[in-house]
Amino acid sequence: MDTRQLKTLVAIAAHRTFAKAAEVVGLTPSAVSQQIQALEAELDVQLFERSSRPPSLTPQGVQVLDLAKEILRLEENAVASLKGNRISGVLRLGTVRTNALNLLPEAIVKMHDQYPALKINLRVGLSSSMISDVASGRLDAALVAEHVSLPPQLRWSPFLCEPLWLIVPGSVKERDPVHILGTYPFVRYVNNVPLANLIDTEISRMGVITLDVAEIDTIGSIVTCVRQGLGVSVVPHVSLPSPDDGSLVRIPFGMPQVNRQIGIVERINAPRGDVIHRLHGLLAQLCGEHGISRNAD
């Protein structure tokens, strides 16, 4: 199988026409057609429905396209490694929908500035699917919260350990967290993520029955609701503005104050371990006083 054919297939899928793909890969349209015909003959499958305009991938074509992308990624990483420049190629990164995601774009930009030959493909999803994709090799690493257990072939390295805060509107003068949680309307974080479970567990341990006024699945929206005076809530440190603008008051949540951790999950002896280590260092640095560094592998 010729990787040039695979690059042509990927170009067609990305640009939707053989003619545009020909411009991208530097071939004539007839040469592109010949490459695809040769690939179809070698694999004994039909990759495109040519009766439609533009031509569409067949189900077998979709499968081959996925394999082609993986083969080309492995080839690029292998070439980079053999050249002694491992900070290049493609890093496939996943992340959960966490406020720590606010840090990730800046870290990716800094990684690109330092290592311009490195490409980062980012995907956002649920922690369970991210962990599964790292274990299976579909992702190189993922940003997830601390989990009770991980598959034995994976490891999790925290880069952030941040406190949780009970936040109240600036007009509220009360400072006793138990009294506040049991007296004021409560904006509950409802999401199938460890942070929501952590908050609910501590409220239960404190023996408080909250007066729920809203259930919201994004931390940013919760902060906005509290700022506008809808109620009180519990949020992680990274979600709060710094410096404070006076519209919110933060009170330590939990006795003692509860912390949550976010880290990078990767395979043990991951092929892109050097790149992941550098990304971890950047994220820890961006977390400031709450960042957690790790020793070199």
Protein backbone atom coordinates (compact mmCIF):
# COMPACT_ATOMS: atom_id res chain seq x y z
CA MET A 1 0.00 0.00 0.00
CA ASP A 2 1.45 3.34 -1.13
CA THR A 3 1.16 6.11 1.44
CA ARG A 4 0.87 8.58 -1.44
CA GLN A 5 -2.44 6.96 -2.30
CA LEU A 6 -3.56 7.31 1.30
CA LYS A 7 -2.65 11.02 1.32
CA THR A 8 -4.69 11.47 -1.83
CA LEU A 9 -7.66 9.70 -0.24
CA VAL A 10 -7.48 11.96 2.80
CA ALA A 11 -7.26 15.03 0.55
CA ILE A 12 -10.36 13.99 -1.40
CA ALA A 13 -12.31 13.41 1.79
CA ALA A 14 -11.25 16.83 3.13
CA HIS A 15 -11.87 18.85 -0.05
CA ARG A 16 -14.83 16.89 -1.44
CA THR A 17 -13.71 16.76 -5.07
CA PHE A 18 -11.00 14.96 -7.01
CA ALA A 19 -10.07 18.20 -8.78
CA LYS A 20 -9.45 20.15 -5.57
CA ALA A 21 -7.58 17.22 -4.03
CA ALA A 22 -5.37 17.13 -7.13
CA GLU A 23 -4.34 20.74 -6.50
CA VAL A 24 -3.55 19.98 -2.85
CA VAL A 25 -1.38 16.91 -3.50
CA GLY A 26 0.24 18.36 -6.62
CA LEU A 27 -1.14 15.90 -9.19
CA THR A 28 -3.41 16.06 -12.18
CA PRO A 29 -7.05 14.99 -11.73
CA SER A 30 -6.42 11.95 -13.91
CA ALA A 31 -3.47 10.92 -11.73
CA VAL A 32 -5.66 11.25 -8.63
CA SER A 33 -8.27 9.00 -10.23
CA GLN A 34 -5.60 6.46 -11.13
CA GLN A 35 -4.28 6.42 -7.56
CA ILE A 36 -7.74 5.80 -6.13
CA GLN A 37 -8.47 3.10 -8.71
CA ALA A 38 -5.19 1.39 -7.86
CA LEU A 39 -5.99 1.55 -4.13
CA GLU A 40 -9.46 0.13 -4.74
CA ALA A 41 -7.99 -2.71 -6.80
CA GLU A 42 -5.38 -3.51 -4.13
CA LEU A 43 -7.96 -3.56 -1.31
CA ASP A 44 -10.74 -5.05 -3.47
CA VAL A 45 -13.27 -2.47 -2.26
CA GLN A 46 -15.12 0.48 -3.77
CA LEU A 47 -14.11 3.62 -1.91
CA PHE A 48 -16.40 6.19 -3.58
CA GLU A 49 -19.92 6.35 -4.92
CA ARG A 50 -19.08 8.00 -8.21
CA SER A 51 -22.70 8.37 -9.29
CA SER A 52 -23.14 11.25 -6.82
CA ARG A 53 -21.70 14.74 -7.23
CA PRO A 54 -19.47 15.36 -5.44
CA PRO A 55 -18.46 11.71 -5.01
CA SER A 56 -19.19 10.35 -1.53
CA LEU A 57 -17.36 7.71 0.46
CA THR A 58 -18.89 4.26 0.69
CA PRO A 59 -19.09 2.59 4.14
CA GLN A 60 -15.93 0.67 3.21
CA GLY A 61 -14.38 3.96 2.11
CA VAL A 62 -15.05 5.51 5.51
CA GLN A 63 -13.27 2.59 7.19
CA VAL A 64 -10.29 2.87 4.87
CA LEU A 65 -10.16 6.63 5.44
CA ASP A 66 -9.90 6.14 9.20
CA LEU A 67 -7.12 3.59 8.71
CA ALA A 68 -5.35 5.90 6.25
CA LYS A 69 -5.30 8.76 8.77
CA GLU A 70 -3.88 6.45 11.43
CA ILE A 71 -1.20 5.03 9.11
CA LEU A 72 -0.14 8.51 8.00
CA ARG A 73 0.01 9.72 11.60
CA LEU A 74 2.21 6.76 12.58
CA GLU A 75 4.45 7.39 9.59
CA GLU A 76 4.86 11.07 10.49
CA ASN A 77 5.66 10.28 14.13
CA ALA A 78 8.08 7.51 13.16
CA VAL A 79 9.99 9.81 10.80
CA ALA A 80 10.17 12.49 13.49
CA SER A 81 11.47 10.00 16.04
CA LEU A 82 14.10 8.55 13.72
CA LYS A 83 15.34 12.03 12.92
CA GLY A 84 15.86 12.60 16.63
CA ASN A 85 13.23 15.34 16.72
CA ARG A 86 10.42 13.90 18.79
CA ILE A 87 8.75 17.27 19.35
CA SER A 88 7.03 17.09 15.99
CA GLY A 89 4.40 14.99 14.31
CA VAL A 90 0.83 14.83 15.62
CA LEU A 91 -0.38 14.72 19.22
CA ARG A 92 -3.99 13.51 19.52
CA LEU A 93 -5.34 15.08 22.67
CA GLY A 94 -8.69 14.73 24.39
CA THR A 95 -10.23 16.75 27.18
CA VAL A 96 -13.38 16.73 29.26
CA ARG A 97 -15.69 19.74 29.49
CA THR A 98 -13.95 21.29 32.47
CA ASN A 99 -13.07 24.85 33.33
CA ALA A 100 -9.45 23.72 33.17
CA LEU A 101 -10.16 23.71 29.43
CA ASN A 102 -9.71 27.49 29.68
CA LEU A 103 -6.01 26.84 30.22
CA LEU A 104 -5.61 24.44 27.32
CA PRO A 105 -5.76 26.86 24.34
CA GLU A 106 -2.98 28.96 25.86
CA ALA A 107 -0.89 25.84 26.48
CA ILE A 108 -1.45 24.65 22.91
CA VAL A 109 -0.40 28.04 21.52
CA LYS A 110 2.76 27.99 23.65
CA MET A 111 3.52 24.43 22.50
CA HIS A 112 3.15 25.52 18.88
CA ASP A 113 5.41 28.54 19.46
CA GLN A 114 8.10 26.34 21.01
CA TYR A 115 7.68 23.38 18.64
CA PRO A 116 6.28 24.65 15.32
CA ALA A 117 6.59 21.19 13.73
CA LEU A 118 4.15 19.73 16.29
CA LYS A 119 0.47 19.47 15.39
CA ILE A 120 -2.15 19.00 18.11
CA ASN A 121 -5.55 17.54 17.28
CA LEU A 122 -8.02 18.28 20.09
CA ARG A 123 -11.27 16.47 20.87
CA VAL A 124 -13.73 17.26 23.68
CA GLY A 125 -15.90 14.58 25.26
CA LEU A 126 -16.85 12.64 28.37
CA SER A 127 -14.13 11.36 30.68
CA SER A 128 -15.16 7.71 30.24
CA SER A 129 -14.82 7.88 26.46
CA MET A 130 -11.56 9.86 26.71
CA ILE A 131 -10.02 7.24 29.00
CA SER A 132 -11.20 4.43 26.73
CA ASP A 133 -9.74 6.14 23.66
CA VAL A 134 -6.37 6.63 25.38
CA ALA A 135 -6.32 2.98 26.44
CA SER A 136 -7.10 1.83 22.89
CA GLY A 137 -4.57 4.17 21.26
CA ARG A 138 -7.12 6.39 19.51
CA LEU A 139 -5.82 9.28 21.65
CA ASP A 140 -2.28 9.89 22.87
CA ALA A 141 -3.44 11.58 26.08
CA ALA A 142 -6.45 13.26 27.68
CA LEU A 143 -7.18 15.83 30.36
CA VAL A 144 -9.50 14.28 32.94
CA ALA A 145 -10.36 14.68 36.60
CA GLU A 146 -9.11 12.24 39.18
CA HIS A 147 -10.71 8.81 38.85
CA VAL A 148 -11.07 6.02 41.37
CA SER A 149 -9.58 3.48 38.98
CA LEU A 150 -7.91 3.35 35.60
CA PRO A 151 -7.00 0.45 33.30
CA PRO A 152 -3.61 -0.96 34.34
CA GLN A 153 -1.91 0.21 31.14
CA LEU A 154 -2.69 3.86 31.93
CA ARG A 155 -1.32 6.41 34.35
CA TRP A 156 -2.73 9.73 35.50
CA SER A 157 -0.51 12.70 36.38
CA PRO A 158 -2.20 15.72 38.03
CA PHE A 159 -1.19 19.19 36.90
CA LEU A 160 -3.81 21.10 38.91
CA CYS A 161 -4.95 20.83 42.54
CA GLU A 162 -7.41 23.64 43.19
CA PRO A 163 -9.75 24.52 46.05
CA LEU A 164 -13.53 24.62 45.76
CA TRP A 165 -15.31 27.78 46.82
CA LEU A 166 -18.81 28.54 47.98
CA ILE A 167 -19.67 31.68 46.03
CA VAL A 168 -22.34 34.19 47.05
CA PRO A 169 -23.44 37.54 45.60
CA GLY A 170 -21.48 40.53 46.89
CA SER A 171 -24.56 41.79 48.75
CA VAL A 172 -24.61 38.75 51.06
CA LYS A 173 -22.90 39.48 54.40
CA GLU A 174 -23.28 35.98 55.91
CA ARG A 175 -20.05 33.95 56.03
CA ASP A 176 -21.06 30.66 57.69
CA PRO A 177 -21.06 28.12 54.82
CA VAL A 178 -23.48 25.68 56.50
CA HIS A 179 -26.00 28.44 57.21
CA ILE A 180 -25.64 29.87 53.72
CA LEU A 181 -26.13 26.51 51.99
CA GLY A 182 -29.21 25.74 54.06
CA THR A 183 -30.80 29.18 53.84
CA TYR A 184 -30.15 30.79 50.46
CA PRO A 185 -31.40 29.56 47.06
CA PHE A 186 -28.86 27.10 45.67
CA VAL A 187 -27.73 26.82 42.04
CA ARG A 188 -26.80 23.16 41.64
CA TYR A 189 -24.16 21.87 39.25
CA VAL A 190 -25.77 18.89 37.53
CA ASN A 191 -23.45 16.94 35.27
CA ASN A 192 -22.19 13.37 35.01
CA VAL A 193 -18.64 14.33 36.02
CA PRO A 194 -16.53 13.78 39.17
CA LEU A 195 -16.74 17.45 40.18
CA ALA A 196 -20.54 17.35 40.54
CA ASN A 197 -20.31 14.18 42.62
CA LEU A 198 -17.57 15.71 44.78
CA ILE A 199 -19.71 18.77 45.55
CA ASP A 200 -22.86 16.75 46.29
CA THR A 201 -20.97 14.33 48.53
CA GLU A 202 -19.50 17.13 50.67
CA ILE A 203 -22.86 18.92 50.99
CA SER A 204 -24.39 15.65 52.17
CA ARG A 205 -21.52 15.10 54.62
CA MET A 206 -22.11 18.59 56.02
CA GLY A 207 -25.72 17.57 56.73
CA VAL A 208 -27.18 20.37 54.62
CA ILE A 209 -30.42 20.22 52.65
CA THR A 210 -30.15 22.84 49.93
CA LEU A 211 -32.97 25.00 48.57
CA ASP A 212 -32.39 24.34 44.87
CA VAL A 213 -33.50 27.15 42.59
CA ALA A 214 -31.78 25.95 39.38
CA GLU A 215 -29.89 22.99 37.93
CA ILE A 216 -27.19 23.97 35.43
CA ASP A 217 -24.61 21.84 33.64
CA THR A 218 -21.90 24.44 32.98
CA ILE A 219 -19.78 26.15 35.64
CA GLY A 220 -19.51 29.40 33.68
CA SER A 221 -23.30 29.78 33.62
CA ILE A 222 -23.47 29.07 37.36
CA VAL A 223 -20.98 31.85 38.09
CA THR A 224 -23.08 34.24 36.00
CA CYS A 225 -26.26 33.27 37.83
CA VAL A 226 -24.68 33.87 41.25
CA ARG A 227 -23.21 37.18 40.11
CA GLN A 228 -26.72 38.26 39.05
CA GLY A 229 -28.13 37.35 42.47
CA LEU A 230 -30.07 34.18 41.60
CA GLY A 231 -28.56 32.21 44.47
CA VAL A 232 -25.36 30.68 45.84
CA SER A 233 -23.29 27.79 44.51
CA VAL A 234 -20.00 25.88 44.66
CA VAL A 235 -17.38 26.18 41.92
CA PRO A 236 -13.69 25.36 41.38
CA HIS A 237 -11.05 28.07 41.76
CA VAL A 238 -10.07 28.18 38.09
CA SER A 239 -13.58 29.30 37.11
CA LEU A 240 -13.46 32.50 39.14
CA PRO A 241 -12.27 35.88 37.86
CA SER A 242 -8.97 37.16 39.15
CA PRO A 243 -8.76 39.68 40.62
CA ASP A 244 -12.25 39.65 42.19
CA ASP A 245 -14.61 42.25 40.77
CA GLY A 246 -16.66 42.64 43.97
CA SER A 247 -19.80 41.04 42.53
CA LEU A 248 -18.90 37.70 44.13
CA VAL A 249 -17.68 36.64 47.54
CA ARG A 250 -15.81 33.36 47.89
CA ILE A 251 -15.95 31.26 51.05
CA PRO A 252 -13.98 28.02 51.58
CA PHE A 253 -16.22 25.04 50.78
CA GLY A 254 -15.98 22.01 53.04
CA MET A 255 -14.48 21.36 56.44
CA PRO A 256 -11.57 21.20 55.72
CA GLN A 257 -11.75 22.96 52.35
CA VAL A 258 -12.25 20.49 49.52
CA ASN A 259 -9.83 20.36 46.57
CA ARG A 260 -10.22 18.74 43.19
CA GLN A 261 -7.49 17.58 40.83
CA ILE A 262 -7.20 17.53 37.05
CA GLY A 263 -4.45 15.69 35.24
CA ILE A 264 -3.28 14.05 32.07
CA VAL A 265 -4.00 10.37 31.48
CA GLU A 266 -1.68 8.54 29.09
CA ARG A 267 -0.47 5.05 28.37
CA ILE A 268 2.51 3.82 30.35
CA ASN A 269 5.57 4.14 28.09
CA ALA A 270 3.48 6.24 25.71
CA PRO A 271 5.16 6.79 22.29
CA ARG A 272 4.58 10.55 22.66
CA GLY A 273 5.65 10.63 26.30
CA ASP A 274 8.22 13.39 25.78
CA VAL A 275 5.63 15.69 24.18
CA ILE A 276 3.04 14.88 26.86
CA HIS A 277 5.60 15.65 29.58
CA ARG A 278 6.25 19.09 28.10
CA LEU A 279 2.52 19.81 27.80
CA HIS A 280 2.04 18.78 31.42
CA GLY A 281 4.76 21.21 32.47
CA LEU A 282 3.14 24.09 30.58
CA LEU A 283 -0.28 23.37 32.09
CA ALA A 284 1.18 23.19 35.60
CA GLN A 285 2.93 26.51 35.02
CA LEU A 286 -0.28 28.16 33.80
CA CYS A 287 -2.09 26.95 36.93
CA GLY A 288 0.16 29.16 39.05
CA GLU A 289 0.13 28.41 42.78
CA HIS A 290 -2.24 25.49 42.23
CA GLY A 291 -0.08 23.80 39.60
CA ILE A 292 1.55 20.40 40.22
CA SER A 293 4.79 19.56 38.47
CA ARG A 294 5.95 16.02 37.87
CA ASN A 295 9.37 14.48 37.67
CA ALA A 296 10.83 13.48 34.33
CA ASP A 297 9.92 9.94 33.26
